[in-house]
Amino acid sequence: MSSLGTQLRELFDGLSELTAQHIRLAKLELQDDARFVGARVAVIAALAPLVLVGYGFLCVAGALALARVMATDLAFLIVGGVNLLGAILGIAVAGKQLGGRKLFTASVTELEATRAMVLHRQDGTEEGAPKEGAA
């Protein structure tokens, strides 16, 4: 009986340590992901005022230059549209970098490996081998 109790205690201790390790890994990944996302958001926030100032100056200067060869309102429309398109493309690139980042990849991989190991031991079968009675 004490052998069973010892084995159960060791199993519980092992599962507790494994759970604690998964939590530590998730915390480390969360910190790394937060740094990555924070840096990209900071870039967007830092560039947004520059886009606005640049948009204003370039629109005025470009439109005044184009007004020499076309109607002033059309010149302002062309220059404003080009600058707005450039700003939108820049923000889209930064946003795509944020969207392409996979979060918690190591944690998910470790949890799946643990799940496979536990299921493997419960089945009593070799990984990839068919269970008894399976055809």
Protein backbone atom coordinates (compact mmCIF):
# COMPACT_ATOMS: atom_id res chain seq x y z
CA MET A 1 0.00 0.00 0.00
CA SER A 2 2.84 2.38 0.82
CA SER A 3 4.28 1.67 -2.63
CA LEU A 4 1.08 2.87 -4.26
CA GLY A 5 0.98 5.91 -2.00
CA THR A 6 4.59 6.72 -2.87
CA GLN A 7 3.90 6.37 -6.56
CA LEU A 8 0.82 8.59 -6.33
CA ARG A 9 2.79 11.22 -4.41
CA GLU A 10 5.58 11.11 -7.01
CA LEU A 11 3.01 11.40 -9.80
CA PHE A 12 1.37 14.38 -8.10
CA ASP A 13 4.75 16.04 -7.48
CA GLY A 14 5.75 15.46 -11.11
CA LEU A 15 2.50 16.88 -12.43
CA SER A 16 2.81 19.87 -10.10
CA GLU A 17 6.35 20.58 -11.32
CA LEU A 18 5.29 20.11 -14.95
CA THR A 19 2.39 22.53 -14.48
CA ALA A 20 4.71 25.06 -12.82
CA GLN A 21 7.16 24.75 -15.72
CA HIS A 22 4.37 25.31 -18.26
CA ILE A 23 3.28 28.42 -16.36
CA ARG A 24 6.87 29.76 -16.26
CA LEU A 25 7.23 29.16 -19.99
CA ALA A 26 3.93 30.92 -20.70
CA LYS A 27 5.03 33.92 -18.61
CA LEU A 28 8.34 34.16 -20.48
CA GLU A 29 6.57 33.92 -23.82
CA LEU A 30 4.03 36.53 -22.78
CA GLN A 31 6.83 38.92 -21.80
CA ASP A 32 8.58 38.38 -25.13
CA ASP A 33 5.36 38.81 -27.11
CA ALA A 34 4.46 41.94 -25.13
CA ARG A 35 7.88 43.45 -25.90
CA PHE A 36 7.45 42.72 -29.61
CA VAL A 37 3.93 44.14 -29.77
CA GLY A 38 4.88 47.13 -27.62
CA ALA A 39 7.82 47.98 -29.87
CA ARG A 40 5.65 47.88 -33.00
CA VAL A 41 2.93 49.98 -31.37
CA ALA A 42 5.60 52.48 -30.28
CA VAL A 43 6.87 52.71 -33.87
CA ILE A 44 3.35 53.39 -35.12
CA ALA A 45 2.75 55.97 -32.39
CA ALA A 46 6.08 57.70 -33.09
CA LEU A 47 5.48 57.83 -36.84
CA ALA A 48 1.87 59.01 -36.72
CA PRO A 49 2.70 62.68 -35.91
CA LEU A 50 5.43 62.68 -38.55
CA VAL A 51 2.93 61.43 -41.08
CA LEU A 52 0.56 64.25 -40.20
CA VAL A 53 3.22 66.97 -40.37
CA GLY A 54 4.72 65.54 -43.53
CA TYR A 55 1.31 65.21 -45.06
CA GLY A 56 0.57 68.85 -44.43
CA PHE A 57 3.86 70.25 -45.72
CA LEU A 58 4.03 68.03 -48.77
CA CYS A 59 0.45 68.65 -49.70
CA VAL A 60 0.92 72.39 -49.63
CA ALA A 61 4.29 72.41 -51.38
CA GLY A 62 3.35 69.83 -53.98
CA ALA A 63 -0.01 71.34 -54.68
CA LEU A 64 1.51 74.80 -55.09
CA ALA A 65 4.04 73.38 -57.53
CA LEU A 66 1.38 71.51 -59.50
CA ALA A 67 -0.90 74.55 -59.48
CA ARG A 68 1.45 76.08 -62.02
CA VAL A 69 0.33 73.52 -64.64
CA MET A 70 -3.23 72.58 -63.52
CA ALA A 71 -6.15 73.81 -61.45
CA THR A 72 -5.20 74.44 -57.83
CA ASP A 73 -7.95 72.25 -56.36
CA LEU A 74 -6.91 69.30 -58.55
CA ALA A 75 -3.27 69.79 -57.56
CA PHE A 76 -4.18 69.68 -53.85
CA LEU A 77 -6.29 66.57 -54.40
CA ILE A 78 -3.49 64.68 -56.18
CA VAL A 79 -0.79 65.55 -53.65
CA GLY A 80 -3.04 64.81 -50.67
CA GLY A 81 -4.08 61.45 -52.09
CA VAL A 82 -0.51 60.33 -52.76
CA ASN A 83 0.61 61.24 -49.23
CA LEU A 84 -2.36 59.60 -47.62
CA LEU A 85 -1.74 56.40 -49.59
CA GLY A 86 1.90 56.33 -48.46
CA ALA A 87 0.92 56.70 -44.81
CA ILE A 88 -1.70 53.98 -45.06
CA LEU A 89 0.79 51.58 -46.66
CA GLY A 90 3.35 52.23 -43.90
CA ILE A 91 0.83 51.56 -41.16
CA ALA A 92 -0.39 48.45 -43.00
CA VAL A 93 3.14 47.02 -43.08
CA ALA A 94 3.56 47.52 -39.32
CA GLY A 95 0.10 46.07 -38.70
CA LYS A 96 0.90 43.03 -40.83
CA GLN A 97 4.02 42.41 -38.74
CA LEU A 98 1.84 42.41 -35.64
CA GLY A 99 -0.72 40.09 -37.21
CA GLY A 100 1.91 37.63 -38.44
CA ARG A 101 3.37 37.07 -35.00
CA LYS A 102 2.34 33.73 -33.51
CA LEU A 103 1.83 33.90 -29.77
CA PHE A 104 2.70 31.23 -27.20
CA THR A 105 4.25 28.88 -29.77
CA ALA A 106 6.64 27.22 -27.32
CA SER A 107 3.92 26.84 -24.68
CA VAL A 108 1.53 25.24 -27.15
CA THR A 109 4.25 22.88 -28.41
CA GLU A 110 5.18 21.84 -24.87
CA LEU A 111 1.55 21.34 -23.84
CA GLU A 112 0.94 19.15 -26.90
CA ALA A 113 4.07 17.11 -26.16
CA THR A 114 2.95 16.64 -22.55
CA ARG A 115 -0.54 15.66 -23.68
CA ALA A 116 0.88 13.11 -26.11
CA MET A 117 3.16 11.69 -23.41
CA VAL A 118 0.31 11.36 -20.89
CA LEU A 119 -2.01 9.77 -23.45
CA HIS A 120 0.78 7.43 -24.53
CA ARG A 121 1.25 6.20 -20.96
CA GLN A 122 -2.49 5.84 -20.34
CA ASP A 123 -2.96 3.75 -23.49
CA GLY A 124 0.06 1.60 -22.79
CA THR A 125 0.84 1.65 -26.49
CA GLU A 126 3.86 2.85 -28.36
CA GLU A 127 3.44 6.21 -30.07
CA GLY A 128 2.13 5.65 -33.57
CA ALA A 129 1.35 1.96 -32.88
CA PRO A 130 -2.29 0.89 -33.18
CA LYS A 131 -4.19 0.10 -29.99
CA GLU A 132 -5.15 -3.49 -29.27
CA GLY A 133 -8.24 -4.52 -31.14
CA ALA A 134 -7.78 -1.80 -33.76
CA ALA A 135 -7.75 -3.00 -37.32
